[in-house]
PDB file of all heavy atoms in Angstrom:
ATOM      1  N   ASN A   1      -4.714   5.978  -5.177  1.00  0.00           N
ATOM      2  CA  ASN A   1      -3.309   5.757  -5.526  1.00  0.00           C
ATOM      3  C   ASN A   1      -3.148   4.862  -6.667  1.00  0.00           C
ATOM      4  O   ASN A   1      -2.000   4.505  -7.002  1.00  0.00           O
ATOM      5  CB  ASN A   1      -2.505   5.264  -4.207  1.00  0.00           C
ATOM      6  CG  ASN A   1      -3.051   3.860  -3.768  1.00  0.00           C
ATOM      7  OD1 ASN A   1      -3.823   3.206  -4.494  1.00  0.00           O
ATOM      8  ND2 ASN A   1      -2.538   3.419  -2.685  1.00  0.00           N
ATOM      9  N   GLY A   2      -4.153   4.412  -7.322  1.00  0.00           N
ATOM     10  CA  GLY A   2      -4.119   3.548  -8.488  1.00  0.00           C
ATOM     11  C   GLY A   2      -4.283   2.096  -8.220  1.00  0.00           C
ATOM     12  O   GLY A   2      -4.353   1.323  -9.186  1.00  0.00           O
ATOM     13  N   SER A   3      -4.362   1.636  -6.985  1.00  0.00           N
ATOM     14  CA  SER A   3      -4.497   0.264  -6.625  1.00  0.00           C
ATOM     15  C   SER A   3      -5.877  -0.222  -6.937  1.00  0.00           C
ATOM     16  O   SER A   3      -6.886   0.591  -6.825  1.00  0.00           O
ATOM     17  CB  SER A   3      -4.170   0.042  -5.168  1.00  0.00           C
ATOM     18  OG  SER A   3      -2.784   0.436  -4.843  1.00  0.00           O
ATOM     19  N   VAL A   4      -5.993  -1.493  -7.369  1.00  0.00           N
ATOM     20  CA  VAL A   4      -7.316  -2.066  -7.584  1.00  0.00           C
ATOM     21  C   VAL A   4      -7.410  -3.381  -6.840  1.00  0.00           C
ATOM     22  O   VAL A   4      -6.524  -4.227  -6.918  1.00  0.00           O
ATOM     23  CB  VAL A   4      -7.505  -2.394  -9.112  1.00  0.00           C
ATOM     24  CG1 VAL A   4      -8.862  -3.080  -9.330  1.00  0.00           C
ATOM     25  CG2 VAL A   4      -7.437  -1.115  -9.922  1.00  0.00           C
ATOM     26  N   ILE A   5      -8.446  -3.563  -5.957  1.00  0.00           N
ATOM     27  CA  ILE A   5      -8.680  -4.695  -5.092  1.00  0.00           C
ATOM     28  C   ILE A   5      -9.953  -5.364  -5.439  1.00  0.00           C
ATOM     29  O   ILE A   5     -10.919  -4.632  -5.444  1.00  0.00           O
ATOM     30  CB  ILE A   5      -8.544  -4.314  -3.599  1.00  0.00           C
ATOM     31  CG1 ILE A   5      -7.198  -3.712  -3.295  1.00  0.00           C
ATOM     32  CG2 ILE A   5      -8.756  -5.571  -2.764  1.00  0.00           C
ATOM     33  CD1 ILE A   5      -7.163  -2.199  -3.339  1.00  0.00           C
ATOM     34  N   LYS A   6      -9.933  -6.632  -5.673  1.00  0.00           N
ATOM     35  CA  LYS A   6     -11.113  -7.358  -5.924  1.00  0.00           C
ATOM     36  C   LYS A   6     -11.510  -8.316  -4.803  1.00  0.00           C
ATOM     37  O   LYS A   6     -10.638  -8.976  -4.235  1.00  0.00           O
ATOM     38  CB  LYS A   6     -11.025  -8.190  -7.268  1.00  0.00           C
ATOM     39  CG  LYS A   6     -10.804  -7.374  -8.476  1.00  0.00           C
ATOM     40  CD  LYS A   6     -10.631  -8.308  -9.751  1.00  0.00           C
ATOM     41  CE  LYS A   6     -10.436  -7.442 -10.976  1.00  0.00           C
ATOM     42  NZ  LYS A   6     -11.711  -6.702 -11.360  1.00  0.00           N
ATOM     43  N   GLY A   7     -12.816  -8.349  -4.440  1.00  0.00           N
ATOM     44  CA  GLY A   7     -13.265  -9.239  -3.367  1.00  0.00           C
ATOM     45  C   GLY A   7     -14.654  -8.929  -2.932  1.00  0.00           C
ATOM     46  O   GLY A   7     -15.518  -8.658  -3.870  1.00  0.00           O
ATOM     47  N   VAL A   8     -14.907  -8.913  -1.631  1.00  0.00           N
ATOM     48  CA  VAL A   8     -16.281  -8.718  -1.124  1.00  0.00           C
ATOM     49  C   VAL A   8     -16.168  -7.665   0.017  1.00  0.00           C
ATOM     50  O   VAL A   8     -15.402  -7.825   0.943  1.00  0.00           O
ATOM     51  CB  VAL A   8     -16.911 -10.011  -0.621  1.00  0.00           C
ATOM     52  CG1 VAL A   8     -18.312  -9.718   0.012  1.00  0.00           C
ATOM     53  CG2 VAL A   8     -17.035 -10.966  -1.706  1.00  0.00           C
ATOM     54  N   VAL A   9     -16.975  -6.604  -0.086  1.00  0.00           N
ATOM     55  CA  VAL A   9     -17.075  -5.649   1.055  1.00  0.00           C
ATOM     56  C   VAL A   9     -17.903  -6.248   2.162  1.00  0.00           C
ATOM     57  O   VAL A   9     -19.009  -6.549   1.999  1.00  0.00           O
ATOM     58  CB  VAL A   9     -17.736  -4.318   0.557  1.00  0.00           C
ATOM     59  CG1 VAL A   9     -17.888  -3.390   1.771  1.00  0.00           C
ATOM     60  CG2 VAL A   9     -16.889  -3.623  -0.490  1.00  0.00           C
ATOM     61  N   ILE A  10     -17.243  -6.523   3.280  1.00  0.00           N
ATOM     62  CA  ILE A  10     -17.926  -7.170   4.430  1.00  0.00           C
ATOM     63  C   ILE A  10     -18.354  -6.189   5.513  1.00  0.00           C
ATOM     64  O   ILE A  10     -19.136  -6.589   6.404  1.00  0.00           O
ATOM     65  CB  ILE A  10     -16.993  -8.269   5.019  1.00  0.00           C
ATOM     66  CG1 ILE A  10     -15.694  -7.654   5.547  1.00  0.00           C
ATOM     67  CG2 ILE A  10     -16.737  -9.401   4.018  1.00  0.00           C
ATOM     68  CD1 ILE A  10     -14.835  -8.673   6.289  1.00  0.00           C
ATOM     69  N   GLU A  11     -17.856  -4.994   5.439  1.00  0.00           N
ATOM     70  CA  GLU A  11     -18.350  -3.982   6.400  1.00  0.00           C
ATOM     71  C   GLU A  11     -18.064  -2.598   5.846  1.00  0.00           C
ATOM     72  O   GLU A  11     -17.055  -2.334   5.183  1.00  0.00           O
ATOM     73  CB  GLU A  11     -17.523  -4.130   7.744  1.00  0.00           C
ATOM     74  CG  GLU A  11     -17.938  -3.149   8.798  1.00  0.00           C
ATOM     75  CD  GLU A  11     -17.125  -3.246  10.048  1.00  0.00           C
ATOM     76  OE1 GLU A  11     -17.289  -4.358  10.747  1.00  0.00           O
ATOM     77  OE2 GLU A  11     -16.353  -2.377  10.397  1.00  0.00           O
ATOM     78  N   GLN A  12     -19.068  -1.782   5.966  1.00  0.00           N
ATOM     79  CA  GLN A  12     -18.868  -0.361   5.458  1.00  0.00           C
ATOM     80  C   GLN A  12     -19.560   0.618   6.424  1.00  0.00           C
ATOM     81  O   GLN A  12     -20.713   0.482   6.751  1.00  0.00           O
ATOM     82  CB  GLN A  12     -19.469  -0.227   4.050  1.00  0.00           C
ATOM     83  CG  GLN A  12     -19.298   1.152   3.437  1.00  0.00           C
ATOM     84  CD  GLN A  12     -19.713   1.157   1.975  1.00  0.00           C
ATOM     85  OE1 GLN A  12     -20.015   0.078   1.400  1.00  0.00           O
ATOM     86  NE2 GLN A  12     -19.679   2.338   1.359  1.00  0.00           N
ATOM     87  N   ILE A  13     -18.794   1.622   6.794  1.00  0.00           N
ATOM     88  CA  ILE A  13     -19.279   2.781   7.577  1.00  0.00           C
ATOM     89  C   ILE A  13     -19.334   3.947   6.595  1.00  0.00           C
ATOM     90  O   ILE A  13     -18.268   4.484   6.236  1.00  0.00           O
ATOM     91  CB  ILE A  13     -18.432   3.087   8.801  1.00  0.00           C
ATOM     92  CG1 ILE A  13     -18.301   1.868   9.647  1.00  0.00           C
ATOM     93  CG2 ILE A  13     -19.008   4.238   9.548  1.00  0.00           C
ATOM     94  CD1 ILE A  13     -17.375   2.035  10.837  1.00  0.00           C
ATOM     95  N   PRO A  14     -20.516   4.368   6.190  1.00  0.00           N
ATOM     96  CA  PRO A  14     -20.673   5.406   5.180  1.00  0.00           C
ATOM     97  C   PRO A  14     -19.856   6.666   5.514  1.00  0.00           C
ATOM     98  O   PRO A  14     -19.928   7.236   6.569  1.00  0.00           O
ATOM     99  CB  PRO A  14     -22.200   5.680   5.138  1.00  0.00           C
ATOM    100  CG  PRO A  14     -22.799   4.437   5.613  1.00  0.00           C
ATOM    101  CD  PRO A  14     -21.857   3.900   6.607  1.00  0.00           C
ATOM    102  N   GLY A  15     -18.958   7.084   4.583  1.00  0.00           N
ATOM    103  CA  GLY A  15     -18.138   8.245   4.684  1.00  0.00           C
ATOM    104  C   GLY A  15     -16.971   8.141   5.634  1.00  0.00           C
ATOM    105  O   GLY A  15     -16.172   9.083   5.835  1.00  0.00           O
ATOM    106  N   VAL A  16     -16.766   6.906   6.229  1.00  0.00           N
ATOM    107  CA  VAL A  16     -15.671   6.745   7.195  1.00  0.00           C
ATOM    108  C   VAL A  16     -14.657   5.661   6.685  1.00  0.00           C
ATOM    109  O   VAL A  16     -13.524   5.968   6.435  1.00  0.00           O
ATOM    110  CB  VAL A  16     -16.195   6.385   8.578  1.00  0.00           C
ATOM    111  CG1 VAL A  16     -15.033   6.186   9.540  1.00  0.00           C
ATOM    112  CG2 VAL A  16     -17.149   7.457   9.063  1.00  0.00           C
ATOM    113  N   SER A  17     -15.114   4.411   6.637  1.00  0.00           N
ATOM    114  CA  SER A  17     -14.194   3.358   6.259  1.00  0.00           C
ATOM    115  C   SER A  17     -14.951   2.087   5.726  1.00  0.00           C
ATOM    116  O   SER A  17     -16.209   2.055   5.701  1.00  0.00           O
ATOM    117  CB  SER A  17     -13.414   2.930   7.495  1.00  0.00           C
ATOM    118  OG  SER A  17     -14.294   2.352   8.492  1.00  0.00           O
ATOM    119  N   LEU A  18     -14.210   1.140   5.225  1.00  0.00           N
ATOM    120  CA  LEU A  18     -14.773  -0.120   4.786  1.00  0.00           C
ATOM    121  C   LEU A  18     -13.723  -1.176   4.913  1.00  0.00           C
ATOM    122  O   LEU A  18     -12.570  -0.945   4.974  1.00  0.00           O
ATOM    123  CB  LEU A  18     -15.222  -0.064   3.334  1.00  0.00           C
ATOM    124  CG  LEU A  18     -14.306   0.207   2.180  1.00  0.00           C
ATOM    125  CD1 LEU A  18     -13.571  -1.047   1.740  1.00  0.00           C
ATOM    126  CD2 LEU A  18     -15.060   0.770   0.993  1.00  0.00           C
ATOM    127  N   LYS A  19     -14.259  -2.452   4.948  1.00  0.00           N
ATOM    128  CA  LYS A  19     -13.395  -3.639   5.024  1.00  0.00           C
ATOM    129  C   LYS A  19     -13.710  -4.499   3.818  1.00  0.00           C
ATOM    130  O   LYS A  19     -14.905  -4.755   3.547  1.00  0.00           O
ATOM    131  CB  LYS A  19     -13.584  -4.424   6.312  1.00  0.00           C
ATOM    132  CG  LYS A  19     -13.088  -3.702   7.621  1.00  0.00           C
ATOM    133  CD  LYS A  19     -13.263  -4.547   8.857  1.00  0.00           C
ATOM    134  CE  LYS A  19     -12.737  -3.827  10.074  1.00  0.00           C
ATOM    135  NZ  LYS A  19     -12.948  -4.708  11.342  1.00  0.00           N
ATOM    136  N   MET A  20     -12.734  -5.054   3.232  1.00  0.00           N
ATOM    137  CA  MET A  20     -12.828  -5.949   2.029  1.00  0.00           C
ATOM    138  C   MET A  20     -12.157  -7.249   2.256  1.00  0.00           C
ATOM    139  O   MET A  20     -11.026  -7.241   2.707  1.00  0.00           O
ATOM    140  CB  MET A  20     -12.358  -5.278   0.758  1.00  0.00           C
ATOM    141  CG  MET A  20     -12.343  -6.146  -0.465  1.00  0.00           C
ATOM    142  SD  MET A  20     -12.102  -5.271  -2.006  1.00  0.00           S
ATOM    143  CE  MET A  20     -13.799  -4.693  -2.358  1.00  0.00           C
ATOM    144  N   GLN A  21     -12.845  -8.344   1.967  1.00  0.00           N
ATOM    145  CA  GLN A  21     -12.275  -9.631   2.017  1.00  0.00           C
ATOM    146  C   GLN A  21     -11.958 -10.109   0.583  1.00  0.00           C
ATOM    147  O   GLN A  21     -12.839 -10.169  -0.271  1.00  0.00           O
ATOM    148  CB  GLN A  21     -13.233 -10.656   2.670  1.00  0.00           C
ATOM    149  CG  GLN A  21     -12.556 -12.043   2.802  1.00  0.00           C
ATOM    150  CD  GLN A  21     -13.559 -12.947   3.623  1.00  0.00           C
ATOM    151  OE1 GLN A  21     -14.587 -12.599   4.063  1.00  0.00           O
ATOM    152  NE2 GLN A  21     -13.124 -14.229   3.770  1.00  0.00           N
ATOM    153  N   THR A  22     -10.692 -10.486   0.323  1.00  0.00           N
ATOM    154  CA  THR A  22     -10.258 -10.910  -1.011  1.00  0.00           C
ATOM    155  C   THR A  22     -10.523 -12.436  -1.149  1.00  0.00           C
ATOM    156  O   THR A  22     -10.895 -13.074  -0.122  1.00  0.00           O
ATOM    157  CB  THR A  22      -8.794 -10.659  -1.213  1.00  0.00           C
ATOM    158  OG1 THR A  22      -8.016 -11.214  -0.214  1.00  0.00           O
ATOM    159  CG2 THR A  22      -8.567  -9.119  -1.242  1.00  0.00           C
ATOM    160  N   ASN A  23     -10.351 -12.898  -2.319  1.00  0.00           N
ATOM    161  CA  ASN A  23     -10.629 -14.352  -2.596  1.00  0.00           C
ATOM    162  C   ASN A  23      -9.813 -15.355  -1.781  1.00  0.00           C
ATOM    163  O   ASN A  23     -10.180 -16.493  -1.614  1.00  0.00           O
ATOM    164  CB  ASN A  23     -10.503 -14.705  -4.006  1.00  0.00           C
ATOM    165  CG  ASN A  23     -11.591 -14.068  -4.920  1.00  0.00           C
ATOM    166  OD1 ASN A  23     -12.654 -13.759  -4.405  1.00  0.00           O
ATOM    167  ND2 ASN A  23     -11.294 -13.820  -6.193  1.00  0.00           N
ATOM    168  N   ASP A  24      -8.609 -14.906  -1.304  1.00  0.00           N
ATOM    169  CA  ASP A  24      -7.819 -15.812  -0.459  1.00  0.00           C
ATOM    170  C   ASP A  24      -8.162 -15.754   0.987  1.00  0.00           C
ATOM    171  O   ASP A  24      -7.546 -16.393   1.821  1.00  0.00           O
ATOM    172  CB  ASP A  24      -6.351 -15.510  -0.703  1.00  0.00           C
ATOM    173  CG  ASP A  24      -5.933 -14.066  -0.219  1.00  0.00           C
ATOM    174  OD1 ASP A  24      -6.830 -13.382   0.314  1.00  0.00           O
ATOM    175  OD2 ASP A  24      -4.755 -13.777  -0.420  1.00  0.00           O
ATOM    176  N   GLY A  25      -9.182 -14.972   1.343  1.00  0.00           N
ATOM    177  CA  GLY A  25      -9.664 -14.867   2.726  1.00  0.00           C
ATOM    178  C   GLY A  25      -9.073 -13.758   3.544  1.00  0.00           C
ATOM    179  O   GLY A  25      -9.484 -13.521   4.644  1.00  0.00           O
ATOM    180  N   SER A  26      -8.132 -13.042   2.921  1.00  0.00           N
ATOM    181  CA  SER A  26      -7.541 -11.868   3.641  1.00  0.00           C
ATOM    182  C   SER A  26      -8.497 -10.699   3.744  1.00  0.00           C
ATOM    183  O   SER A  26      -9.302 -10.499   2.857  1.00  0.00           O
ATOM    184  CB  SER A  26      -6.206 -11.420   2.926  1.00  0.00           C
ATOM    185  OG  SER A  26      -5.336 -12.464   2.839  1.00  0.00           O
ATOM    186  N   ILE A  27      -8.434  -9.995   4.819  1.00  0.00           N
ATOM    187  CA  ILE A  27      -9.295  -8.859   5.090  1.00  0.00           C
ATOM    188  C   ILE A  27      -8.495  -7.581   5.237  1.00  0.00           C
ATOM    189  O   ILE A  27      -7.472  -7.498   5.981  1.00  0.00           O
ATOM    190  CB  ILE A  27     -10.145  -9.041   6.379  1.00  0.00           C
ATOM    191  CG1 ILE A  27     -11.071 -10.237   6.217  1.00  0.00           C
ATOM    192  CG2 ILE A  27     -11.010  -7.777   6.669  1.00  0.00           C
ATOM    193  CD1 ILE A  27     -11.855 -10.610   7.460  1.00  0.00           C
ATOM    194  N   PHE A  28      -8.873  -6.553   4.504  1.00  0.00           N
ATOM    195  CA  PHE A  28      -8.178  -5.259   4.433  1.00  0.00           C
ATOM    196  C   PHE A  28      -9.097  -4.110   4.810  1.00  0.00           C
ATOM    197  O   PHE A  28     -10.237  -4.179   4.394  1.00  0.00           O
ATOM    198  CB  PHE A  28      -7.512  -5.068   3.046  1.00  0.00           C
ATOM    199  CG  PHE A  28      -6.544  -6.075   2.680  1.00  0.00           C
ATOM    200  CD1 PHE A  28      -6.958  -7.177   1.880  1.00  0.00           C
ATOM    201  CD2 PHE A  28      -5.198  -6.018   3.138  1.00  0.00           C
ATOM    202  CE1 PHE A  28      -6.080  -8.145   1.504  1.00  0.00           C
ATOM    203  CE2 PHE A  28      -4.295  -7.043   2.626  1.00  0.00           C
ATOM    204  CZ  PHE A  28      -4.666  -8.036   1.906  1.00  0.00           C
ATOM    205  N   ALA A  29      -8.594  -3.194   5.468  1.00  0.00           N
ATOM    206  CA  ALA A  29      -9.415  -1.982   5.881  1.00  0.00           C
ATOM    207  C   ALA A  29      -8.902  -0.713   5.161  1.00  0.00           C
ATOM    208  O   ALA A  29      -7.707  -0.593   4.977  1.00  0.00           O
ATOM    209  CB  ALA A  29      -9.383  -1.773   7.346  1.00  0.00           C
ATOM    210  N   TYR A  30      -9.825   0.084   4.700  1.00  0.00           N
ATOM    211  CA  TYR A  30      -9.533   1.284   3.941  1.00  0.00           C
ATOM    212  C   TYR A  30     -10.320   2.435   4.462  1.00  0.00           C
ATOM    213  O   TYR A  30     -11.464   2.307   4.826  1.00  0.00           O
ATOM    214  CB  TYR A  30      -9.716   1.128   2.437  1.00  0.00           C
ATOM    215  CG  TYR A  30      -8.948  -0.017   1.882  1.00  0.00           C
ATOM    216  CD1 TYR A  30      -9.572  -1.291   1.752  1.00  0.00           C
ATOM    217  CD2 TYR A  30      -7.688   0.150   1.429  1.00  0.00           C
ATOM    218  CE1 TYR A  30      -8.830  -2.365   1.135  1.00  0.00           C
ATOM    219  CE2 TYR A  30      -6.910  -0.957   0.898  1.00  0.00           C
ATOM    220  CZ  TYR A  30      -7.495  -2.185   0.778  1.00  0.00           C
ATOM    221  OH  TYR A  30      -6.875  -3.229   0.246  1.00  0.00           O
ATOM    222  N   LYS A  31      -9.721   3.663   4.450  1.00  0.00           N
ATOM    223  CA  LYS A  31     -10.441   4.874   4.720  1.00  0.00           C
ATOM    224  C   LYS A  31     -11.218   5.357   3.470  1.00  0.00           C
ATOM    225  O   LYS A  31     -10.708   5.255   2.379  1.00  0.00           O
ATOM    226  CB  LYS A  31      -9.571   5.976   5.229  1.00  0.00           C
ATOM    227  CG  LYS A  31      -8.874   5.665   6.543  1.00  0.00           C
ATOM    228  CD  LYS A  31      -7.993   6.829   6.972  1.00  0.00           C
ATOM    229  CE  LYS A  31      -7.304   6.562   8.281  1.00  0.00           C
ATOM    230  NZ  LYS A  31      -6.417   7.649   8.672  1.00  0.00           N
ATOM    231  N   MET A  32     -12.469   5.816   3.625  1.00  0.00           N
ATOM    232  CA  MET A  32     -13.244   6.192   2.457  1.00  0.00           C
ATOM    233  C   MET A  32     -12.571   7.416   1.709  1.00  0.00           C
ATOM    234  O   MET A  32     -12.766   7.527   0.502  1.00  0.00           O
ATOM    235  CB  MET A  32     -14.718   6.601   2.887  1.00  0.00           C
ATOM    236  CG  MET A  32     -15.506   5.455   3.384  1.00  0.00           C
ATOM    237  SD  MET A  32     -15.640   4.058   2.201  1.00  0.00           S
ATOM    238  CE  MET A  32     -16.516   4.971   0.837  1.00  0.00           C
ATOM    239  N   GLU A  33     -11.744   8.196   2.446  1.00  0.00           N
ATOM    240  CA  GLU A  33     -11.140   9.314   1.763  1.00  0.00           C
ATOM    241  C   GLU A  33     -10.082   8.798   0.762  1.00  0.00           C
ATOM    242  O   GLU A  33      -9.607   9.654  -0.098  1.00  0.00           O
ATOM    243  CB  GLU A  33     -10.530  10.205   2.825  1.00  0.00           C
ATOM    244  CG  GLU A  33      -9.421   9.571   3.615  1.00  0.00           C
ATOM    245  CD  GLU A  33      -8.883  10.462   4.752  1.00  0.00           C
ATOM    246  OE1 GLU A  33      -9.709  11.195   5.312  1.00  0.00           O
ATOM    247  OE2 GLU A  33      -7.699  10.363   5.121  1.00  0.00           O
ATOM    248  N   ASP A  34      -9.617   7.498   0.870  1.00  0.00           N
ATOM    249  CA  ASP A  34      -8.694   6.987  -0.033  1.00  0.00           C
ATOM    250  C   ASP A  34      -9.297   6.237  -1.202  1.00  0.00           C
ATOM    251  O   ASP A  34      -8.667   5.723  -2.065  1.00  0.00           O
ATOM    252  CB  ASP A  34      -7.730   6.069   0.719  1.00  0.00           C
ATOM    253  CG  ASP A  34      -6.916   6.716   1.792  1.00  0.00           C
ATOM    254  OD1 ASP A  34      -6.546   7.930   1.592  1.00  0.00           O
ATOM    255  OD2 ASP A  34      -6.650   6.156   2.806  1.00  0.00           O
ATOM    256  N   VAL A  35     -10.659   6.109  -1.133  1.00  0.00           N
ATOM    257  CA  VAL A  35     -11.370   5.325  -2.220  1.00  0.00           C
ATOM    258  C   VAL A  35     -11.893   6.208  -3.312  1.00  0.00           C
ATOM    259  O   VAL A  35     -12.492   7.264  -3.065  1.00  0.00           O
ATOM    260  CB  VAL A  35     -12.590   4.612  -1.580  1.00  0.00           C
ATOM    261  CG1 VAL A  35     -13.359   3.855  -2.618  1.00  0.00           C
ATOM    262  CG2 VAL A  35     -12.065   3.610  -0.445  1.00  0.00           C
ATOM    263  N   GLU A  36     -11.598   5.809  -4.562  1.00  0.00           N
ATOM    264  CA  GLU A  36     -12.070   6.553  -5.706  1.00  0.00           C
ATOM    265  C   GLU A  36     -13.476   6.114  -6.071  1.00  0.00           C
ATOM    266  O   GLU A  36     -14.387   6.863  -6.308  1.00  0.00           O
ATOM    267  CB  GLU A  36     -11.184   6.405  -6.921  1.00  0.00           C
ATOM    268  CG  GLU A  36     -11.596   7.107  -8.158  1.00  0.00           C
ATOM    269  CD  GLU A  36     -10.610   6.981  -9.282  1.00  0.00           C
ATOM    270  OE1 GLU A  36      -9.466   6.616  -9.083  1.00  0.00           O
ATOM    271  OE2 GLU A  36     -11.063   7.239 -10.460  1.00  0.00           O
ATOM    272  N   LYS A  37     -13.664   4.777  -6.161  1.00  0.00           N
ATOM    273  CA  LYS A  37     -15.038   4.204  -6.509  1.00  0.00           C
ATOM    274  C   LYS A  37     -15.012   2.725  -6.180  1.00  0.00           C
ATOM    275  O   LYS A  37     -14.016   2.064  -6.012  1.00  0.00           O
ATOM    276  CB  LYS A  37     -15.381   4.428  -7.989  1.00  0.00           C
ATOM    277  CG  LYS A  37     -14.444   3.720  -8.952  1.00  0.00           C
ATOM    278  CD  LYS A  37     -14.883   3.955 -10.432  1.00  0.00           C
ATOM    279  CE  LYS A  37     -13.874   3.231 -11.384  1.00  0.00           C
ATOM    280  NZ  LYS A  37     -14.349   3.441 -12.817  1.00  0.00           N
ATOM    281  N   ILE A  38     -16.250   2.191  -6.081  1.00  0.00           N
ATOM    282  CA  ILE A  38     -16.524   0.757  -5.877  1.00  0.00           C
ATOM    283  C   ILE A  38     -17.465   0.257  -6.979  1.00  0.00           C
ATOM    284  O   ILE A  38     -18.526   0.865  -7.120  1.00  0.00           O
ATOM    285  CB  ILE A  38     -17.070   0.410  -4.479  1.00  0.00           C
ATOM    286  CG1 ILE A  38     -16.261   1.017  -3.393  1.00  0.00           C
ATOM    287  CG2 ILE A  38     -17.325  -1.030  -4.304  1.00  0.00           C
ATOM    288  CD1 ILE A  38     -16.773   0.884  -2.013  1.00  0.00           C
ATOM    289  N   THR A  39     -17.097  -0.756  -7.656  1.00  0.00           N
ATOM    290  CA  THR A  39     -17.980  -1.345  -8.746  1.00  0.00           C
ATOM    291  C   THR A  39     -18.115  -2.789  -8.558  1.00  0.00           C
ATOM    292  O   THR A  39     -17.409  -3.473  -7.768  1.00  0.00           O
ATOM    293  CB  THR A  39     -17.339  -1.083 -10.135  1.00  0.00           C
ATOM    294  OG1 THR A  39     -16.094  -1.772 -10.226  1.00  0.00           O
ATOM    295  CG2 THR A  39     -17.127   0.376 -10.372  1.00  0.00           C
TER     296      THR A  39
END
């Protein structure tokens, strides 16, 4: 959808979902079908 999130991937289920922790300590979950790429 064009969003860019910077942080640390703390959990990843291949092909299903991942969780990312941003620099302020917040944790967000995303479905892999919504992810374009991780760098």
